[in-house]
Amino acid sequence: MQKNSARKQGRNAAASGSRIRKTMAAAILRAATNELIENGYAQFSLRGVAAAAGMSLSTLQYHFKSFDELLAATMKCLFDGYLDGAEAAVNQPSKRPQDSLANLITYSLQQVKSPRLTLATTESWALAHRNALARETMQAGYARYLALFMAAIKPLNPRLSESQLRARAALIGAQIDGLLLYTFEGAPPLLDWEILERTCIEAAIRLSAG
């Protein structure tokens, strides 16, 4: 009985320790994403994130041992937050073949209008040119991004090959990414987003069905 009780206590302690580690890691990533978005890569540092998270540098390094590891995890966190929402948009119940693509575009344009997303994306693009781990993280994120567009396009034209699906997904995704050029702080209000959304959806459906 004593041995069983000791084993149970050990399992409970391990589970509790795991929950604490996950909670701490999540707190660090929240602080890190805010630091990257608000202050940019130039001021992003382990010490700065530790201070923002309200913990010591050694505590942060227990969870993320290096600058590159924290940076890659932060970028993945940003990507995952966006892509989880995009996946939910694609998987909404639909009655028409075009609904998944229309939902994905609507979601994406809503995100594009967010100043935080604009800052996070432009910082990530810059980082991908200079940091190998950041580049790998971004490549993985964009692979998932394209896969979501491919899944949304396929019901409109099931005869498309994998390469044709990928090409159409890349073009539609690039058009949406390009709109970030019109959303930087202080940019002139050039876009009527209601018209833009309708136009994007119509164009994407034509491209996908053709």
N, C-alpha and C. Protein backbone atom coordinates (compact mmCIF):
# COMPACT_ATOMS: atom_id res chain seq x y z
N MET A 1 0.82 -1.21 0.00
CA MET A 1 0.00 0.00 0.00
C MET A 1 0.85 1.26 0.00
N GLN A 2 1.90 1.24 0.82
CA GLN A 2 2.77 2.41 0.92
C GLN A 2 3.45 2.68 -0.43
N LYS A 3 3.88 1.57 -1.12
CA LYS A 3 4.53 1.74 -2.41
C LYS A 3 3.56 2.32 -3.43
N ASN A 4 2.31 1.83 -3.44
CA ASN A 4 1.30 2.35 -4.36
C ASN A 4 1.02 3.82 -4.09
N SER A 5 0.94 4.16 -2.80
CA SER A 5 0.70 5.55 -2.42
C SER A 5 1.85 6.44 -2.85
N ALA A 6 3.07 5.94 -2.70
CA ALA A 6 4.25 6.73 -3.10
C ALA A 6 4.28 6.93 -4.60
N ARG A 7 3.93 5.87 -5.35
CA ARG A 7 3.90 6.00 -6.81
C ARG A 7 2.84 7.00 -7.26
N LYS A 8 1.67 6.94 -6.59
CA LYS A 8 0.59 7.87 -6.92
C LYS A 8 1.01 9.30 -6.63
N GLN A 9 1.66 9.51 -5.50
CA GLN A 9 2.13 10.85 -5.15
C GLN A 9 3.16 11.33 -6.17
N GLY A 10 4.01 10.40 -6.60
CA GLY A 10 5.02 10.76 -7.59
C GLY A 10 4.38 11.17 -8.91
N ARG A 11 3.35 10.42 -9.33
CA ARG A 11 2.66 10.77 -10.57
C ARG A 11 1.96 12.11 -10.45
N ASN A 12 1.33 12.34 -9.30
CA ASN A 12 0.65 13.62 -9.09
C ASN A 12 1.62 14.79 -9.09
N ALA A 13 2.78 14.57 -8.47
CA ALA A 13 3.80 15.61 -8.44
C ALA A 13 4.32 15.90 -9.84
N ALA A 14 4.52 14.83 -10.62
CA ALA A 14 5.00 15.01 -12.00
C ALA A 14 3.98 15.75 -12.84
N ALA A 15 2.69 15.39 -12.68
CA ALA A 15 1.63 16.07 -13.43
C ALA A 15 1.54 17.53 -13.04
N SER A 16 1.66 17.80 -11.74
CA SER A 16 1.62 19.18 -11.26
C SER A 16 2.79 19.98 -11.80
N GLY A 17 3.98 19.35 -11.79
CA GLY A 17 5.16 20.02 -12.31
C GLY A 17 5.02 20.33 -13.79
N SER A 18 4.42 19.38 -14.53
CA SER A 18 4.21 19.59 -15.96
C SER A 18 3.27 20.76 -16.22
N ARG A 19 2.19 20.84 -15.43
CA ARG A 19 1.24 21.95 -15.59
C ARG A 19 1.90 23.29 -15.29
N ILE A 20 2.72 23.31 -14.26
CA ILE A 20 3.41 24.55 -13.90
C ILE A 20 4.35 24.98 -15.02
N ARG A 21 5.10 24.02 -15.57
CA ARG A 21 6.03 24.34 -16.66
C ARG A 21 5.28 24.89 -17.87
N LYS A 22 4.13 24.27 -18.20
CA LYS A 22 3.35 24.75 -19.34
C LYS A 22 2.80 26.14 -19.09
N THR A 23 2.36 26.38 -17.86
CA THR A 23 1.84 27.70 -17.50
C THR A 23 2.94 28.76 -17.60
N MET A 24 4.12 28.43 -17.10
CA MET A 24 5.24 29.37 -17.16
C MET A 24 5.66 29.64 -18.60
N ALA A 25 5.74 28.57 -19.40
CA ALA A 25 6.14 28.73 -20.80
C ALA A 25 5.13 29.60 -21.54
N ALA A 26 3.83 29.40 -21.26
CA ALA A 26 2.80 30.20 -21.91
C ALA A 26 2.92 31.67 -21.51
N ALA A 27 3.23 31.93 -20.23
CA ALA A 27 3.40 33.30 -19.76
C ALA A 27 4.59 33.97 -20.45
N ILE A 28 5.66 33.20 -20.61
CA ILE A 28 6.84 33.73 -21.30
C ILE A 28 6.52 34.08 -22.75
N LEU A 29 5.80 33.19 -23.43
CA LEU A 29 5.47 33.43 -24.83
C LEU A 29 4.52 34.62 -25.00
N ARG A 30 3.61 34.80 -24.06
CA ARG A 30 2.74 36.00 -24.11
C ARG A 30 3.58 37.27 -24.01
N ALA A 31 4.50 37.27 -23.07
CA ALA A 31 5.37 38.43 -22.91
C ALA A 31 6.26 38.62 -24.13
N ALA A 32 6.76 37.51 -24.67
CA ALA A 32 7.67 37.58 -25.82
C ALA A 32 6.95 38.10 -27.06
N THR A 33 5.72 37.65 -27.30
CA THR A 33 5.00 38.14 -28.47
C THR A 33 4.72 39.63 -28.34
N ASN A 34 4.37 40.07 -27.15
CA ASN A 34 4.15 41.51 -26.95
C ASN A 34 5.44 42.30 -27.18
N GLU A 35 6.55 41.78 -26.67
CA GLU A 35 7.83 42.47 -26.85
C GLU A 35 8.20 42.56 -28.33
N LEU A 36 8.04 41.47 -29.06
CA LEU A 36 8.40 41.46 -30.48
C LEU A 36 7.52 42.42 -31.27
N ILE A 37 6.23 42.43 -30.97
CA ILE A 37 5.30 43.29 -31.71
C ILE A 37 5.49 44.76 -31.33
N GLU A 38 5.60 45.03 -30.06
CA GLU A 38 5.63 46.43 -29.61
C GLU A 38 6.99 47.09 -29.75
N ASN A 39 8.07 46.31 -29.57
CA ASN A 39 9.41 46.90 -29.59
C ASN A 39 10.28 46.47 -30.76
N GLY A 40 9.86 45.41 -31.47
CA GLY A 40 10.60 44.97 -32.64
C GLY A 40 11.80 44.09 -32.31
N TYR A 41 12.32 43.49 -33.36
CA TYR A 41 13.43 42.54 -33.21
C TYR A 41 14.67 43.21 -32.63
N ALA A 42 14.90 44.47 -33.01
CA ALA A 42 16.13 45.15 -32.59
C ALA A 42 16.24 45.23 -31.07
N GLN A 43 15.11 45.29 -30.36
CA GLN A 43 15.14 45.38 -28.90
C GLN A 43 14.69 44.09 -28.22
N PHE A 44 14.49 43.05 -29.01
CA PHE A 44 14.04 41.77 -28.46
C PHE A 44 15.22 41.07 -27.79
N SER A 45 15.07 40.71 -26.53
CA SER A 45 16.17 40.07 -25.80
C SER A 45 15.63 39.18 -24.70
N LEU A 46 16.45 38.23 -24.27
CA LEU A 46 16.05 37.35 -23.17
C LEU A 46 15.77 38.16 -21.91
N ARG A 47 16.64 39.10 -21.60
CA ARG A 47 16.45 39.91 -20.39
C ARG A 47 15.17 40.75 -20.48
N GLY A 48 14.93 41.32 -21.64
CA GLY A 48 13.73 42.14 -21.81
C GLY A 48 12.46 41.32 -21.66
N VAL A 49 12.44 40.13 -22.24
CA VAL A 49 11.26 39.27 -22.13
C VAL A 49 11.09 38.79 -20.68
N ALA A 50 12.21 38.43 -20.03
CA ALA A 50 12.13 38.01 -18.63
C ALA A 50 11.54 39.12 -17.76
N ALA A 51 11.98 40.34 -17.98
CA ALA A 51 11.46 41.47 -17.20
C ALA A 51 9.98 41.68 -17.49
N ALA A 52 9.60 41.58 -18.76
CA ALA A 52 8.19 41.76 -19.13
C ALA A 52 7.31 40.66 -18.53
N ALA A 53 7.88 39.46 -18.39
CA ALA A 53 7.13 38.34 -17.83
C ALA A 53 7.16 38.33 -16.30
N GLY A 54 7.95 39.23 -15.71
CA GLY A 54 8.03 39.32 -14.26
C GLY A 54 8.78 38.17 -13.63
N MET A 55 9.86 37.73 -14.28
CA MET A 55 10.65 36.61 -13.74
C MET A 55 12.13 36.87 -13.97
N SER A 56 12.96 36.06 -13.35
CA SER A 56 14.40 36.21 -13.52
C SER A 56 14.84 35.63 -14.86
N LEU A 57 16.01 36.06 -15.30
CA LEU A 57 16.57 35.53 -16.54
C LEU A 57 16.80 34.03 -16.44
N SER A 58 17.28 33.56 -15.29
CA SER A 58 17.55 32.13 -15.13
C SER A 58 16.27 31.31 -15.21
N THR A 59 15.16 31.85 -14.71
CA THR A 59 13.88 31.14 -14.82
C THR A 59 13.44 31.04 -16.27
N LEU A 60 13.58 32.13 -17.00
CA LEU A 60 13.23 32.09 -18.43
C LEU A 60 14.09 31.07 -19.17
N GLN A 61 15.40 31.06 -18.87
CA GLN A 61 16.31 30.16 -19.58
C GLN A 61 16.11 28.69 -19.21
N TYR A 62 15.42 28.43 -18.12
CA TYR A 62 15.05 27.05 -17.80
C TYR A 62 14.07 26.52 -18.86
N HIS A 63 13.24 27.43 -19.39
CA HIS A 63 12.23 27.03 -20.38
C HIS A 63 12.72 27.24 -21.81
N PHE A 64 13.47 28.30 -22.04
CA PHE A 64 14.00 28.61 -23.37
C PHE A 64 15.48 28.93 -23.21
N LYS A 65 16.32 28.02 -23.61
CA LYS A 65 17.73 28.10 -23.24
C LYS A 65 18.53 29.12 -24.03
N SER A 66 18.04 29.51 -25.19
CA SER A 66 18.81 30.44 -26.02
C SER A 66 17.89 31.49 -26.64
N PHE A 67 18.51 32.54 -27.13
CA PHE A 67 17.78 33.61 -27.82
C PHE A 67 17.04 33.05 -29.03
N ASP A 68 17.74 32.25 -29.84
CA ASP A 68 17.13 31.71 -31.06
C ASP A 68 15.95 30.80 -30.73
N GLU A 69 16.08 30.02 -29.68
CA GLU A 69 14.99 29.11 -29.30
C GLU A 69 13.75 29.91 -28.89
N LEU A 70 13.94 30.96 -28.12
CA LEU A 70 12.81 31.79 -27.71
C LEU A 70 12.21 32.51 -28.91
N LEU A 71 13.06 33.02 -29.78
CA LEU A 71 12.57 33.74 -30.95
C LEU A 71 11.73 32.83 -31.84
N ALA A 72 12.23 31.62 -32.10
CA ALA A 72 11.49 30.68 -32.95
C ALA A 72 10.16 30.29 -32.29
N ALA A 73 10.16 30.06 -30.98
CA ALA A 73 8.94 29.70 -30.27
C ALA A 73 7.94 30.86 -30.30
N THR A 74 8.44 32.08 -30.22
CA THR A 74 7.57 33.26 -30.26
C THR A 74 6.91 33.39 -31.63
N MET A 75 7.70 33.22 -32.68
CA MET A 75 7.14 33.29 -34.03
C MET A 75 6.13 32.18 -34.27
N LYS A 76 6.43 30.97 -33.78
CA LYS A 76 5.48 29.86 -33.93
C LYS A 76 4.18 30.16 -33.20
N CYS A 77 4.28 30.75 -32.03
CA CYS A 77 3.10 31.12 -31.25
C CYS A 77 2.24 32.10 -32.04
N LEU A 78 2.87 33.09 -32.65
CA LEU A 78 2.14 34.06 -33.46
C LEU A 78 1.46 33.40 -34.64
N PHE A 79 2.22 32.55 -35.36
CA PHE A 79 1.66 31.85 -36.51
C PHE A 79 0.50 30.95 -36.10
N ASP A 80 0.70 30.19 -35.04
CA ASP A 80 -0.33 29.24 -34.62
C ASP A 80 -1.62 29.94 -34.23
N GLY A 81 -1.50 31.10 -33.56
CA GLY A 81 -2.70 31.83 -33.19
C GLY A 81 -3.51 32.24 -34.41
N TYR A 82 -2.81 32.73 -35.44
CA TYR A 82 -3.47 33.13 -36.68
C TYR A 82 -4.04 31.91 -37.41
N LEU A 83 -3.23 30.86 -37.54
CA LEU A 83 -3.62 29.71 -38.35
C LEU A 83 -4.70 28.86 -37.70
N ASP A 84 -4.74 28.82 -36.38
CA ASP A 84 -5.82 28.10 -35.70
C ASP A 84 -7.17 28.75 -36.04
N GLY A 85 -7.19 30.07 -36.07
CA GLY A 85 -8.42 30.77 -36.45
C GLY A 85 -8.76 30.54 -37.91
N ALA A 86 -7.73 30.52 -38.78
CA ALA A 86 -7.96 30.27 -40.20
C ALA A 86 -8.50 28.87 -40.42
N GLU A 87 -7.97 27.90 -39.69
CA GLU A 87 -8.44 26.52 -39.82
C GLU A 87 -9.91 26.41 -39.38
N ALA A 88 -10.26 27.10 -38.32
CA ALA A 88 -11.65 27.10 -37.86
C ALA A 88 -12.57 27.71 -38.93
N ALA A 89 -12.09 28.75 -39.62
CA ALA A 89 -12.88 29.38 -40.68
C ALA A 89 -13.12 28.41 -41.83
N VAL A 90 -12.07 27.68 -42.22
CA VAL A 90 -12.20 26.72 -43.32
C VAL A 90 -13.16 25.59 -42.95
N ASN A 91 -13.15 25.19 -41.69
CA ASN A 91 -13.93 24.03 -41.27
C ASN A 91 -15.34 24.35 -40.79
N GLN A 92 -15.77 25.60 -40.95
CA GLN A 92 -17.16 25.93 -40.61
C GLN A 92 -18.11 25.12 -41.49
N PRO A 93 -19.26 24.69 -40.93
CA PRO A 93 -20.24 23.98 -41.75
C PRO A 93 -20.63 24.83 -42.96
N SER A 94 -20.71 24.21 -44.13
CA SER A 94 -20.99 24.97 -45.35
C SER A 94 -21.98 24.21 -46.24
N LYS A 95 -22.68 24.97 -47.04
CA LYS A 95 -23.66 24.39 -47.97
C LYS A 95 -23.20 24.48 -49.42
N ARG A 96 -22.28 25.40 -49.70
CA ARG A 96 -21.82 25.61 -51.07
C ARG A 96 -20.33 25.37 -51.17
N PRO A 97 -19.81 24.95 -52.33
CA PRO A 97 -18.38 24.67 -52.47
C PRO A 97 -17.50 25.87 -52.18
N GLN A 98 -18.01 27.08 -52.43
CA GLN A 98 -17.20 28.28 -52.26
C GLN A 98 -17.18 28.79 -50.83
N ASP A 99 -17.99 28.22 -49.94
CA ASP A 99 -18.12 28.79 -48.60
C ASP A 99 -16.81 28.74 -47.81
N SER A 100 -16.08 27.64 -47.90
CA SER A 100 -14.84 27.52 -47.12
C SER A 100 -13.83 28.59 -47.55
N LEU A 101 -13.70 28.79 -48.85
CA LEU A 101 -12.76 29.80 -49.34
C LEU A 101 -13.22 31.20 -48.95
N ALA A 102 -14.52 31.48 -49.07
CA ALA A 102 -15.03 32.79 -48.69
C ALA A 102 -14.82 33.05 -47.20
N ASN A 103 -15.05 32.03 -46.37
CA ASN A 103 -14.85 32.18 -44.92
C ASN A 103 -13.38 32.44 -44.60
N LEU A 104 -12.49 31.75 -45.30
CA LEU A 104 -11.06 31.91 -45.05
C LEU A 104 -10.60 33.31 -45.44
N ILE A 105 -11.08 33.81 -46.56
CA ILE A 105 -10.70 35.16 -47.01
C ILE A 105 -11.27 36.22 -46.05
N THR A 106 -12.51 36.04 -45.64
CA THR A 106 -13.11 36.98 -44.69
C THR A 106 -12.30 37.03 -43.39
N TYR A 107 -11.96 35.86 -42.88
CA TYR A 107 -11.15 35.81 -41.66
C TYR A 107 -9.80 36.48 -41.88
N SER A 108 -9.15 36.17 -42.98
CA SER A 108 -7.81 36.70 -43.24
C SER A 108 -7.83 38.22 -43.35
N LEU A 109 -8.84 38.76 -44.01
CA LEU A 109 -8.92 40.21 -44.15
C LEU A 109 -9.22 40.88 -42.82
N GLN A 110 -10.01 40.23 -41.97
CA GLN A 110 -10.24 40.77 -40.63
C GLN A 110 -8.92 40.87 -39.86
N GLN A 111 -8.07 39.85 -40.02
CA GLN A 111 -6.78 39.85 -39.34
C GLN A 111 -5.83 40.89 -39.92
N VAL A 112 -5.87 41.06 -41.24
CA VAL A 112 -4.99 42.02 -41.89
C VAL A 112 -5.21 43.43 -41.35
N LYS A 113 -6.44 43.73 -40.98
CA LYS A 113 -6.76 45.07 -40.47
C LYS A 113 -6.23 45.30 -39.05
N SER A 114 -5.72 44.25 -38.41
CA SER A 114 -5.21 44.38 -37.05
C SER A 114 -3.80 44.97 -37.05
N PRO A 115 -3.57 46.09 -36.37
CA PRO A 115 -2.22 46.67 -36.31
C PRO A 115 -1.19 45.70 -35.74
N ARG A 116 -1.59 44.87 -34.77
CA ARG A 116 -0.66 43.92 -34.18
C ARG A 116 -0.22 42.88 -35.21
N LEU A 117 -1.15 42.42 -36.03
CA LEU A 117 -0.77 41.43 -37.04
C LEU A 117 0.17 42.04 -38.06
N THR A 118 -0.09 43.29 -38.44
CA THR A 118 0.80 43.97 -39.40
C THR A 118 2.22 44.02 -38.85
N LEU A 119 2.36 44.42 -37.60
CA LEU A 119 3.69 44.51 -36.99
C LEU A 119 4.33 43.13 -36.87
N ALA A 120 3.56 42.15 -36.41
CA ALA A 120 4.10 40.81 -36.23
C ALA A 120 4.55 40.22 -37.56
N THR A 121 3.77 40.42 -38.60
CA THR A 121 4.10 39.84 -39.91
C THR A 121 5.34 40.49 -40.51
N THR A 122 5.39 41.81 -40.48
CA THR A 122 6.54 42.49 -41.08
C THR A 122 7.82 42.18 -40.31
N GLU A 123 7.74 42.09 -38.99
CA GLU A 123 8.92 41.69 -38.21
C GLU A 123 9.34 40.27 -38.57
N SER A 124 8.38 39.37 -38.75
CA SER A 124 8.69 37.98 -39.07
C SER A 124 9.33 37.87 -40.44
N TRP A 125 8.84 38.61 -41.41
CA TRP A 125 9.44 38.59 -42.74
C TRP A 125 10.91 39.03 -42.68
N ALA A 126 11.15 40.12 -41.95
CA ALA A 126 12.52 40.61 -41.82
C ALA A 126 13.42 39.58 -41.13
N LEU A 127 12.91 38.98 -40.08
CA LEU A 127 13.68 37.99 -39.33
C LEU A 127 14.03 36.78 -40.18
N ALA A 128 13.11 36.37 -41.03
CA ALA A 128 13.33 35.18 -41.85
C ALA A 128 14.51 35.35 -42.79
N HIS A 129 14.86 36.59 -43.11
CA HIS A 129 16.01 36.84 -43.98
C HIS A 129 17.33 36.73 -43.23
N ARG A 130 17.30 36.80 -41.90
CA ARG A 130 18.54 36.94 -41.13
C ARG A 130 18.78 35.82 -40.12
N ASN A 131 17.77 35.04 -39.81
CA ASN A 131 17.90 34.06 -38.75
C ASN A 131 17.38 32.71 -39.25
N ALA A 132 18.22 31.69 -39.18
CA ALA A 132 17.89 30.38 -39.75
C ALA A 132 16.68 29.75 -39.07
N LEU A 133 16.64 29.81 -37.73
CA LEU A 133 15.51 29.21 -37.03
C LEU A 133 14.21 29.96 -37.32
N ALA A 134 14.30 31.27 -37.41
CA ALA A 134 13.13 32.07 -37.76
C ALA A 134 12.65 31.71 -39.16
N ARG A 135 13.60 31.50 -40.06
CA ARG A 135 13.25 31.14 -41.44
C ARG A 135 12.54 29.79 -41.48
N GLU A 136 13.05 28.81 -40.74
CA GLU A 136 12.43 27.49 -40.70
C GLU A 136 11.02 27.57 -40.12
N THR A 137 10.87 28.38 -39.07
CA THR A 137 9.57 28.54 -38.43
C THR A 137 8.57 29.17 -39.40
N MET A 138 9.04 30.17 -40.13
CA MET A 138 8.15 30.85 -41.08
C MET A 138 7.79 29.93 -42.24
N GLN A 139 8.75 29.14 -42.70
CA GLN A 139 8.47 28.19 -43.78
C GLN A 139 7.40 27.19 -43.36
N ALA A 140 7.50 26.71 -42.13
CA ALA A 140 6.49 25.76 -41.62
C ALA A 140 5.13 26.42 -41.51
N GLY A 141 5.10 27.68 -41.05
CA GLY A 141 3.84 28.41 -40.93
C GLY A 141 3.19 28.63 -42.28
N TYR A 142 4.00 29.01 -43.27
CA TYR A 142 3.44 29.26 -44.60
C TYR A 142 3.02 27.96 -45.29
N ALA A 143 3.67 26.86 -44.97
CA ALA A 143 3.25 25.57 -45.52
C ALA A 143 1.83 25.24 -45.03
N ARG A 144 1.58 25.50 -43.75
CA ARG A 144 0.23 25.26 -43.20
C ARG A 144 -0.76 26.25 -43.79
N TYR A 145 -0.33 27.49 -43.97
CA TYR A 145 -1.17 28.54 -44.56
C TYR A 145 -1.62 28.14 -45.96
N LEU A 146 -0.67 27.70 -46.79
CA LEU A 146 -1.01 27.28 -48.15
C LEU A 146 -1.91 26.05 -48.14
N ALA A 147 -1.65 25.13 -47.23
CA ALA A 147 -2.47 23.92 -47.15
C ALA A 147 -3.93 24.26 -46.86
N LEU A 148 -4.17 25.27 -46.03
CA LEU A 148 -5.53 25.69 -45.73
C LEU A 148 -6.22 26.26 -46.97
N PHE A 149 -5.50 27.07 -47.72
CA PHE A 149 -6.08 27.60 -48.96
C PHE A 149 -6.32 26.48 -49.97
N MET A 150 -5.41 25.54 -50.05
CA MET A 150 -5.58 24.42 -50.97
C MET A 150 -6.84 23.62 -50.61
N ALA A 151 -7.04 23.38 -49.30
CA ALA A 151 -8.22 22.65 -48.85
C ALA A 151 -9.51 23.41 -49.17
N ALA A 152 -9.44 24.75 -49.10
CA ALA A 152 -10.62 25.56 -49.38
C ALA A 152 -10.91 25.67 -50.87
N ILE A 153 -9.87 25.59 -51.68
CA ILE A 153 -10.02 25.70 -53.14
C ILE A 153 -10.50 24.40 -53.76
N LYS A 154 -10.07 23.30 -53.24
CA LYS A 154 -10.32 21.99 -53.87
C LYS A 154 -11.80 21.70 -54.15
N PRO A 155 -12.74 22.01 -53.23
CA PRO A 155 -14.15 21.73 -53.55
C PRO A 155 -14.67 22.48 -54.78
N LEU A 156 -14.03 23.60 -55.12
CA LEU A 156 -14.47 24.38 -56.28
C LEU A 156 -14.01 23.76 -57.59
N ASN A 157 -12.94 22.97 -57.53
CA ASN A 157 -12.43 22.36 -58.76
C ASN A 157 -11.63 21.10 -58.38
N PRO A 158 -12.33 20.00 -58.12
CA PRO A 158 -11.65 18.77 -57.66
C PRO A 158 -10.67 18.20 -58.67
N ARG A 159 -10.73 18.64 -59.92
CA ARG A 159 -9.84 18.09 -60.95
C ARG A 159 -8.44 18.71 -60.93
N LEU A 160 -8.26 19.76 -60.16
CA LEU A 160 -6.95 20.41 -60.12
C LEU A 160 -5.90 19.47 -59.54
N SER A 161 -4.71 19.50 -60.13
CA SER A 161 -3.60 18.73 -59.59
C SER A 161 -3.05 19.41 -58.33
N GLU A 162 -2.18 18.71 -57.64
CA GLU A 162 -1.55 19.29 -56.44
C GLU A 162 -0.81 20.57 -56.78
N SER A 163 -0.09 20.56 -57.89
CA SER A 163 0.68 21.76 -58.30
C SER A 163 -0.25 22.91 -58.65
N GLN A 164 -1.35 22.61 -59.31
CA GLN A 164 -2.30 23.67 -59.67
C GLN A 164 -2.99 24.24 -58.43
N LEU A 165 -3.33 23.37 -57.50
CA LEU A 165 -3.90 23.83 -56.23
C LEU A 165 -2.94 24.74 -55.50
N ARG A 166 -1.67 24.31 -55.44
CA ARG A 166 -0.66 25.08 -54.73
C ARG A 166 -0.45 26.45 -55.38
N ALA A 167 -0.44 26.50 -56.70
CA ALA A 167 -0.23 27.77 -57.40
C ALA A 167 -1.37 28.74 -57.11
N ARG A 168 -2.59 28.26 -57.16
CA ARG A 168 -3.73 29.12 -56.88
C ARG A 168 -3.74 29.57 -55.42
N ALA A 169 -3.41 28.66 -54.52
CA ALA A 169 -3.34 29.00 -53.10
C ALA A 169 -2.28 30.07 -52.85
N ALA A 170 -1.13 29.94 -53.50
CA ALA A 170 -0.05 30.91 -53.33
C ALA A 170 -0.46 32.28 -53.83
N LEU A 171 -1.14 32.32 -54.98
CA LEU A 171 -1.56 33.61 -55.54
C LEU A 171 -2.58 34.31 -54.64
N ILE A 172 -3.56 33.55 -54.17
CA ILE A 172 -4.59 34.16 -53.32
C ILE A 172 -3.98 34.61 -51.98
N GLY A 173 -3.14 33.75 -51.39
CA GLY A 173 -2.50 34.12 -50.13
C GLY A 173 -1.60 35.34 -50.28
N ALA A 174 -0.87 35.41 -51.41
CA ALA A 174 0.02 36.55 -51.64
C ALA A 174 -0.77 37.85 -51.81
N GLN A 175 -1.93 37.77 -52.45
CA GLN A 175 -2.76 38.97 -52.58
C GLN A 175 -3.19 39.50 -51.22
N ILE A 176 -3.56 38.58 -50.34
CA ILE A 176 -3.98 39.00 -49.00
C ILE A 176 -2.79 39.56 -48.22
N ASP A 177 -1.65 38.88 -48.28
CA ASP A 177 -0.45 39.38 -47.60
C ASP A 177 -0.07 40.77 -48.12
N GLY A 178 -0.23 40.97 -49.41
CA GLY A 178 0.15 42.25 -50.01
C GLY A 178 -0.65 43.42 -49.47
N LEU A 179 -1.85 43.15 -48.98
CA LEU A 179 -2.68 44.22 -48.44
C LEU A 179 -2.10 44.80 -47.16
N LEU A 180 -1.16 44.09 -46.54
CA LEU A 180 -0.50 44.64 -45.35
C LEU A 180 0.22 45.95 -45.67
N LEU A 181 0.56 46.16 -46.94
CA LEU A 181 1.22 47.40 -47.34
C LEU A 181 0.33 48.62 -47.12
N TYR A 182 -0.97 48.38 -47.01
CA TYR A 182 -1.92 49.49 -46.85
C TYR A 182 -2.39 49.64 -45.41
N THR A 183 -1.76 48.91 -44.49
CA THR A 183 -2.27 48.92 -43.12
C THR A 183 -1.24 49.41 -42.10
N PHE A 184 -0.08 49.88 -42.54
CA PHE A 184 0.89 50.36 -41.57
C PHE A 184 0.36 51.60 -40.87
N GLU A 185 0.91 51.87 -39.70
CA GLU A 185 0.43 53.00 -38.90
C GLU A 185 0.62 54.32 -39.67
N GLY A 186 -0.47 55.06 -39.78
CA GLY A 186 -0.42 56.33 -40.49
C GLY A 186 -0.69 56.23 -41.97
N ALA A 187 -0.94 55.01 -42.47
CA ALA A 187 -1.23 54.85 -43.90
C ALA A 187 -2.54 55.56 -44.25
N PRO A 188 -2.62 56.14 -45.45
CA PRO A 188 -3.87 56.82 -45.84
C PRO A 188 -4.99 55.80 -45.99
N PRO A 189 -6.22 56.17 -45.67
CA PRO A 189 -7.35 55.25 -45.76
C PRO A 189 -7.78 55.03 -47.22
N LEU A 190 -7.00 54.21 -47.93
CA LEU A 190 -7.25 54.02 -49.36
C LEU A 190 -8.28 52.94 -49.66
N LEU A 191 -8.59 52.10 -48.69
CA LEU A 191 -9.37 50.91 -48.98
C LEU A 191 -10.75 50.95 -48.34
N ASP A 192 -11.75 50.60 -49.14
CA ASP A 192 -13.08 50.32 -48.62
C ASP A 192 -13.11 48.82 -48.38
N TRP A 193 -13.02 48.42 -47.11
CA TRP A 193 -12.82 47.00 -46.80
C TRP A 193 -14.01 46.14 -47.17
N GLU A 194 -15.20 46.71 -47.14
CA GLU A 194 -16.38 45.93 -47.53
C GLU A 194 -16.31 45.57 -49.01
N ILE A 195 -15.98 46.55 -49.84
CA ILE A 195 -15.84 46.30 -51.28
C ILE A 195 -14.65 45.38 -51.54
N LEU A 196 -13.58 45.62 -50.81
CA LEU A 196 -12.38 44.82 -50.98
C LEU A 196 -12.65 43.34 -50.68
N GLU A 197 -13.34 43.08 -49.58
CA GLU A 197 -13.64 41.69 -49.22
C GLU A 197 -14.47 41.02 -50.31
N ARG A 198 -15.49 41.70 -50.78
CA ARG A 198 -16.34 41.13 -51.83
C ARG A 198 -15.54 40.88 -53.11
N THR A 199 -14.69 41.82 -53.46
CA THR A 199 -13.89 41.69 -54.67
C THR A 199 -12.89 40.54 -54.55
N CYS A 200 -12.25 40.44 -53.38
CA CYS A 200 -11.28 39.36 -53.15
C CYS A 200 -11.94 37.99 -53.26
N ILE A 201 -13.10 37.85 -52.65
CA ILE A 201 -13.81 36.57 -52.68
C ILE A 201 -14.21 36.22 -54.10
N GLU A 202 -14.77 37.18 -54.83
CA GLU A 202 -15.20 36.92 -56.20
C GLU A 202 -14.02 36.53 -57.08
N ALA A 203 -12.91 37.26 -56.95
CA ALA A 203 -11.71 36.96 -57.75
C ALA A 203 -11.13 35.60 -57.40
N ALA A 204 -11.10 35.28 -56.11
CA ALA A 204 -10.54 33.99 -55.68
C ALA A 204 -11.39 32.83 -56.17
N ILE A 205 -12.71 33.00 -56.16
CA ILE A 205 -13.60 31.93 -56.64
C ILE A 205 -13.40 31.72 -58.13
N ARG A 206 -13.29 32.82 -58.89
CA ARG A 206 -13.06 32.68 -60.34
C ARG A 206 -11.73 31.98 -60.61
N LEU A 207 -10.69 32.38 -59.91
CA LEU A 207 -9.38 31.77 -60.11
C LEU A 207 -9.40 30.29 -59.75
N SER A 208 -10.08 29.96 -58.67
CA SER A 208 -10.09 28.58 -58.19
C SER A 208 -10.92 27.66 -59.09
N ALA A 209 -12.01 28.18 -59.61
CA ALA A 209 -12.91 27.35 -60.40
C ALA A 209 -12.42 27.18 -61.84
N GLY A 210 -11.53 28.07 -62.28
CA GLY A 210 -11.09 28.03 -63.66
C GLY A 210 -10.03 26.98 -63.95
